[in-house]
Amino acid sequence: MMEYFIIENNGQQAGPFSLEQLVQKAITPETLVWAQGMKDWTPAWKIAELKTVLETIEAIKANTANKENAAGLLCLHGGRRLL
């Protein structure tokens, strides 16, 4: 399995990371990524193998947001269901 290095928000190189670890780090499509055999640092969205990583991260974010929105609505209405 290929391992990737990334440039973190602070500009520091980090890694290597497995695909699962990249999900845990919640990389963005614009995160610069490099792996052995690659010529240059490349945005994650341009790397075919990372497409599922990015999709998984988006699904987790959407699921988390939906749960937070639902919890917020319940709190606003005294815990009563709206539907």
C-alpha atoms as a PDB file:
ATOM      1  CA  MET A   1       0.000   0.000   0.000  1.00  0.00           C
ATOM      2  CA  MET A   2       1.295   3.434  -0.912  1.00  0.00           C
ATOM      3  CA  GLU A   3       1.993   5.912   1.852  1.00  0.00           C
ATOM      4  CA  TYR A   4       1.682   9.648   1.388  1.00  0.00           C
ATOM      5  CA  PHE A   5       3.376  12.707   2.801  1.00  0.00           C
ATOM      6  CA  ILE A   6       1.408  15.940   3.164  1.00  0.00           C
ATOM      7  CA  ILE A   7       2.066  19.614   3.724  1.00  0.00           C
ATOM      8  CA  GLU A   8       0.087  20.554   6.838  1.00  0.00           C
ATOM      9  CA  ASN A   9      -1.660  23.897   7.439  1.00  0.00           C
ATOM     10  CA  ASN A  10       1.436  25.209   9.219  1.00  0.00           C
ATOM     11  CA  GLY A  11       3.524  24.553   6.094  1.00  0.00           C
ATOM     12  CA  GLN A  12       5.380  21.616   7.633  1.00  0.00           C
ATOM     13  CA  GLN A  13       5.869  18.307   5.855  1.00  0.00           C
ATOM     14  CA  ALA A  14       4.349  15.347   7.689  1.00  0.00           C
ATOM     15  CA  GLY A  15       4.055  11.635   7.086  1.00  0.00           C
ATOM     16  CA  PRO A  16       4.140   9.073   5.779  1.00  0.00           C
ATOM     17  CA  PHE A  17       0.434   8.355   6.209  1.00  0.00           C
ATOM     18  CA  SER A  18      -1.758   5.471   5.075  1.00  0.00           C
ATOM     19  CA  LEU A  19      -5.079   6.164   3.360  1.00  0.00           C
ATOM     20  CA  GLU A  20      -6.895   5.541   6.661  1.00  0.00           C
ATOM     21  CA  GLN A  21      -4.630   8.022   8.439  1.00  0.00           C
ATOM     22  CA  LEU A  22      -5.324  10.636   5.739  1.00  0.00           C
ATOM     23  CA  VAL A  23      -9.045  10.234   6.493  1.00  0.00           C
ATOM     24  CA  GLN A  24      -8.327  10.722  10.194  1.00  0.00           C
ATOM     25  CA  LYS A  25      -6.300  13.856   9.403  1.00  0.00           C
ATOM     26  CA  ALA A  26      -9.269  15.135   7.347  1.00  0.00           C
ATOM     27  CA  ILE A  27      -7.165  16.359   4.440  1.00  0.00           C
ATOM     28  CA  THR A  28      -8.843  18.738   1.995  1.00  0.00           C
ATOM     29  CA  PRO A  29      -8.877  18.563  -1.799  1.00  0.00           C
ATOM     30  CA  GLU A  30      -6.225  21.295  -1.810  1.00  0.00           C
ATOM     31  CA  THR A  31      -3.859  19.531   0.634  1.00  0.00           C
ATOM     32  CA  LEU A  32      -0.507  19.084  -1.083  1.00  0.00           C
ATOM     33  CA  VAL A  33       0.453  15.416  -1.223  1.00  0.00           C
ATOM     34  CA  TRP A  34       3.540  13.510  -2.322  1.00  0.00           C
ATOM     35  CA  ALA A  35       4.414   9.807  -2.501  1.00  0.00           C
ATOM     36  CA  GLN A  36       7.414   7.883  -3.729  1.00  0.00           C
ATOM     37  CA  GLY A  37       7.440   7.917  -7.511  1.00  0.00           C
ATOM     38  CA  MET A  38       5.616  11.256  -7.800  1.00  0.00           C
ATOM     39  CA  LYS A  39       7.540  14.069  -9.463  1.00  0.00           C
ATOM     40  CA  ASP A  40       6.053  16.980  -7.499  1.00  0.00           C
ATOM     41  CA  TRP A  41       3.749  17.863  -4.612  1.00  0.00           C
ATOM     42  CA  THR A  42       0.197  17.644  -5.953  1.00  0.00           C
ATOM     43  CA  PRO A  43      -3.223  18.736  -4.637  1.00  0.00           C
ATOM     44  CA  ALA A  44      -5.061  15.703  -3.252  1.00  0.00           C
ATOM     45  CA  TRP A  45      -7.991  16.119  -5.668  1.00  0.00           C
ATOM     46  CA  LYS A  46      -5.670  15.384  -8.616  1.00  0.00           C
ATOM     47  CA  ILE A  47      -4.651  11.944  -7.268  1.00  0.00           C
ATOM     48  CA  ALA A  48      -7.081   9.202  -8.312  1.00  0.00           C
ATOM     49  CA  GLU A  49      -6.302   6.953  -5.325  1.00  0.00           C
ATOM     50  CA  LEU A  50      -7.220   9.773  -2.914  1.00  0.00           C
ATOM     51  CA  LYS A  51     -10.695  10.308  -4.391  1.00  0.00           C
ATOM     52  CA  THR A  52     -12.239   7.805  -1.960  1.00  0.00           C
ATOM     53  CA  VAL A  53     -10.342   9.404   0.932  1.00  0.00           C
ATOM     54  CA  LEU A  54     -11.805  12.816   0.089  1.00  0.00           C
ATOM     55  CA  GLU A  55     -15.300  11.358  -0.408  1.00  0.00           C
ATOM     56  CA  THR A  56     -15.093   9.600   2.961  1.00  0.00           C
ATOM     57  CA  ILE A  57     -14.026  12.810   4.701  1.00  0.00           C
ATOM     58  CA  GLU A  58     -16.934  14.712   3.115  1.00  0.00           C
ATOM     59  CA  ALA A  59     -19.392  11.997   4.169  1.00  0.00           C
ATOM     60  CA  ILE A  60     -18.107  12.127   7.751  1.00  0.00           C
ATOM     61  CA  LYS A  61     -18.395  15.934   7.795  1.00  0.00           C
ATOM     62  CA  ALA A  62     -21.938  15.820   6.390  1.00  0.00           C
ATOM     63  CA  ASN A  63     -22.992  13.156   8.894  1.00  0.00           C
ATOM     64  CA  THR A  64     -21.498  15.144  11.773  1.00  0.00           C
ATOM     65  CA  ALA A  65     -23.186  18.352  10.587  1.00  0.00           C
ATOM     66  CA  ASN A  66     -26.556  16.596  10.284  1.00  0.00           C
ATOM     67  CA  LYS A  67     -26.249  15.222  13.828  1.00  0.00           C
ATOM     68  CA  GLU A  68     -25.266  18.647  15.188  1.00  0.00           C
ATOM     69  CA  ASN A  69     -28.169  20.311  13.374  1.00  0.00           C
ATOM     70  CA  ALA A  70     -30.606  17.725  14.703  1.00  0.00           C
ATOM     71  CA  ALA A  71     -29.273  18.121  18.249  1.00  0.00           C
ATOM     72  CA  GLY A  72     -29.524  21.901  17.946  1.00  0.00           C
ATOM     73  CA  LEU A  73     -33.134  21.723  16.782  1.00  0.00           C
ATOM     74  CA  LEU A  74     -34.042  19.441  19.681  1.00  0.00           C
ATOM     75  CA  CYS A  75     -32.421  21.860  22.144  1.00  0.00           C
ATOM     76  CA  LEU A  76     -34.249  24.824  20.627  1.00  0.00           C
ATOM     77  CA  HIS A  77     -37.580  23.108  21.090  1.00  0.00           C
ATOM     78  CA  GLY A  78     -37.105  21.723  24.568  1.00  0.00           C
ATOM     79  CA  GLY A  79     -36.148  18.288  23.335  1.00  0.00           C
ATOM     80  CA  ARG A  80     -39.449  17.792  21.473  1.00  0.00           C
ATOM     81  CA  ARG A  81     -39.325  16.229  18.058  1.00  0.00           C
ATOM     82  CA  LEU A  82     -40.287  18.609  15.292  1.00  0.00           C
ATOM     83  CA  LEU A  83     -41.432  15.941  12.857  1.00  0.00           C
END
